[in-house]
Amino acid sequence: MQQFEQVTQKVRFRLIGSGGEKSNTTRVESNYQMFLIIVGMIAIAATWYHIIETNRKTLVTENKGNNG
């Protein structure tokens, strides 16, 4: 959890840091960074959902006594 907070702080700092020095390039870069962050969040959420679903299914089958 602490590592996740460090990553979010770095990302926040980067987004703030890429403010208005060169307007056109930094705007494109920050949009690209936001796109990458959103894609990463979706990928992480999908992975967690997949892990939780498979764990839940295995738990249900173990409780029923089925091995497959």
C-alpha atoms as a PDB file:
ATOM      1  CA  MET A   1       0.000   0.000   0.000  1.00  0.00           C
ATOM      2  CA  GLN A   2       2.881   2.353   0.784  1.00  0.00           C
ATOM      3  CA  GLN A   3       4.462   1.562  -2.578  1.00  0.00           C
ATOM      4  CA  PHE A   4       1.170   2.378  -4.313  1.00  0.00           C
ATOM      5  CA  GLU A   5       1.033   5.741  -2.521  1.00  0.00           C
ATOM      6  CA  GLN A   6       4.602   6.513  -3.610  1.00  0.00           C
ATOM      7  CA  VAL A   7       3.709   5.722  -7.222  1.00  0.00           C
ATOM      8  CA  THR A   8       0.614   7.944  -7.126  1.00  0.00           C
ATOM      9  CA  GLN A   9       2.664  10.777  -5.612  1.00  0.00           C
ATOM     10  CA  LYS A  10       5.260  10.426  -8.383  1.00  0.00           C
ATOM     11  CA  VAL A  11       2.552  10.434 -11.038  1.00  0.00           C
ATOM     12  CA  ARG A  12       0.868  13.461  -9.456  1.00  0.00           C
ATOM     13  CA  PHE A  13       4.199  15.272  -9.274  1.00  0.00           C
ATOM     14  CA  ARG A  14       4.898  14.473 -12.912  1.00  0.00           C
ATOM     15  CA  LEU A  15       1.494  15.700 -14.033  1.00  0.00           C
ATOM     16  CA  ILE A  16       1.870  18.924 -12.058  1.00  0.00           C
ATOM     17  CA  GLY A  17       5.499  19.289 -13.151  1.00  0.00           C
ATOM     18  CA  SER A  18       4.611  19.022 -16.845  1.00  0.00           C
ATOM     19  CA  GLY A  19       2.595  22.196 -16.503  1.00  0.00           C
ATOM     20  CA  GLY A  20       3.011  25.084 -18.926  1.00  0.00           C
ATOM     21  CA  GLU A  21       6.599  25.406 -20.055  1.00  0.00           C
ATOM     22  CA  LYS A  22       6.038  24.455 -23.697  1.00  0.00           C
ATOM     23  CA  SER A  23       2.304  24.552 -24.150  1.00  0.00           C
ATOM     24  CA  ASN A  24       1.827  22.249 -27.142  1.00  0.00           C
ATOM     25  CA  THR A  25       4.264  19.437 -26.387  1.00  0.00           C
ATOM     26  CA  THR A  26       3.522  19.204 -22.673  1.00  0.00           C
ATOM     27  CA  ARG A  27      -0.216  19.161 -23.310  1.00  0.00           C
ATOM     28  CA  VAL A  28       0.185  16.220 -25.661  1.00  0.00           C
ATOM     29  CA  GLU A  29       2.533  14.483 -23.242  1.00  0.00           C
ATOM     30  CA  SER A  30       0.218  14.973 -20.260  1.00  0.00           C
ATOM     31  CA  ASN A  31      -2.734  13.690 -22.289  1.00  0.00           C
ATOM     32  CA  TYR A  32      -0.642  10.672 -23.235  1.00  0.00           C
ATOM     33  CA  GLN A  33       0.330  10.171 -19.584  1.00  0.00           C
ATOM     34  CA  MET A  34      -3.301  10.386 -18.497  1.00  0.00           C
ATOM     35  CA  PHE A  35      -4.190   7.849 -21.197  1.00  0.00           C
ATOM     36  CA  LEU A  36      -1.447   5.506 -19.988  1.00  0.00           C
ATOM     37  CA  ILE A  37      -2.543   5.927 -16.356  1.00  0.00           C
ATOM     38  CA  ILE A  38      -6.164   5.136 -17.227  1.00  0.00           C
ATOM     39  CA  VAL A  39      -5.138   2.100 -19.277  1.00  0.00           C
ATOM     40  CA  GLY A  40      -2.944   0.938 -16.404  1.00  0.00           C
ATOM     41  CA  MET A  41      -5.740   1.364 -13.886  1.00  0.00           C
ATOM     42  CA  ILE A  42      -8.106  -0.632 -16.109  1.00  0.00           C
ATOM     43  CA  ALA A  43      -5.500  -3.362 -16.498  1.00  0.00           C
ATOM     44  CA  ILE A  44      -4.905  -3.500 -12.724  1.00  0.00           C
ATOM     45  CA  ALA A  45      -8.643  -3.599 -12.014  1.00  0.00           C
ATOM     46  CA  ALA A  46      -9.166  -6.368 -14.584  1.00  0.00           C
ATOM     47  CA  THR A  47      -6.302  -8.375 -13.100  1.00  0.00           C
ATOM     48  CA  TRP A  48      -7.640  -8.004  -9.553  1.00  0.00           C
ATOM     49  CA  TYR A  49     -11.152  -8.925 -10.708  1.00  0.00           C
ATOM     50  CA  HIS A  50      -9.780 -11.999 -12.467  1.00  0.00           C
ATOM     51  CA  ILE A  51      -7.782 -13.060  -9.385  1.00  0.00           C
ATOM     52  CA  ILE A  52     -10.770 -12.543  -7.069  1.00  0.00           C
ATOM     53  CA  GLU A  53     -13.142 -14.413  -9.402  1.00  0.00           C
ATOM     54  CA  THR A  54     -10.827 -17.406  -9.770  1.00  0.00           C
ATOM     55  CA  ASN A  55     -10.242 -17.499  -6.004  1.00  0.00           C
ATOM     56  CA  ARG A  56     -13.981 -17.329  -5.334  1.00  0.00           C
ATOM     57  CA  LYS A  57     -14.693 -20.149  -7.805  1.00  0.00           C
ATOM     58  CA  THR A  58     -11.996 -22.377  -6.315  1.00  0.00           C
ATOM     59  CA  LEU A  59     -13.282 -21.644  -2.799  1.00  0.00           C
ATOM     60  CA  VAL A  60     -16.833 -22.550  -3.826  1.00  0.00           C
ATOM     61  CA  THR A  61     -15.723 -25.795  -5.455  1.00  0.00           C
ATOM     62  CA  GLU A  62     -13.547 -26.676  -2.445  1.00  0.00           C
ATOM     63  CA  ASN A  63     -16.455 -26.082  -0.080  1.00  0.00           C
ATOM     64  CA  LYS A  64     -18.683 -28.338  -2.173  1.00  0.00           C
ATOM     65  CA  GLY A  65     -16.029 -31.012  -2.167  1.00  0.00           C
ATOM     66  CA  ASN A  66     -15.509 -31.092  -5.931  1.00  0.00           C
ATOM     67  CA  ASN A  67     -11.951 -31.184  -7.186  1.00  0.00           C
ATOM     68  CA  GLY A  68     -12.582 -30.078 -10.712  1.00  0.00           C
END
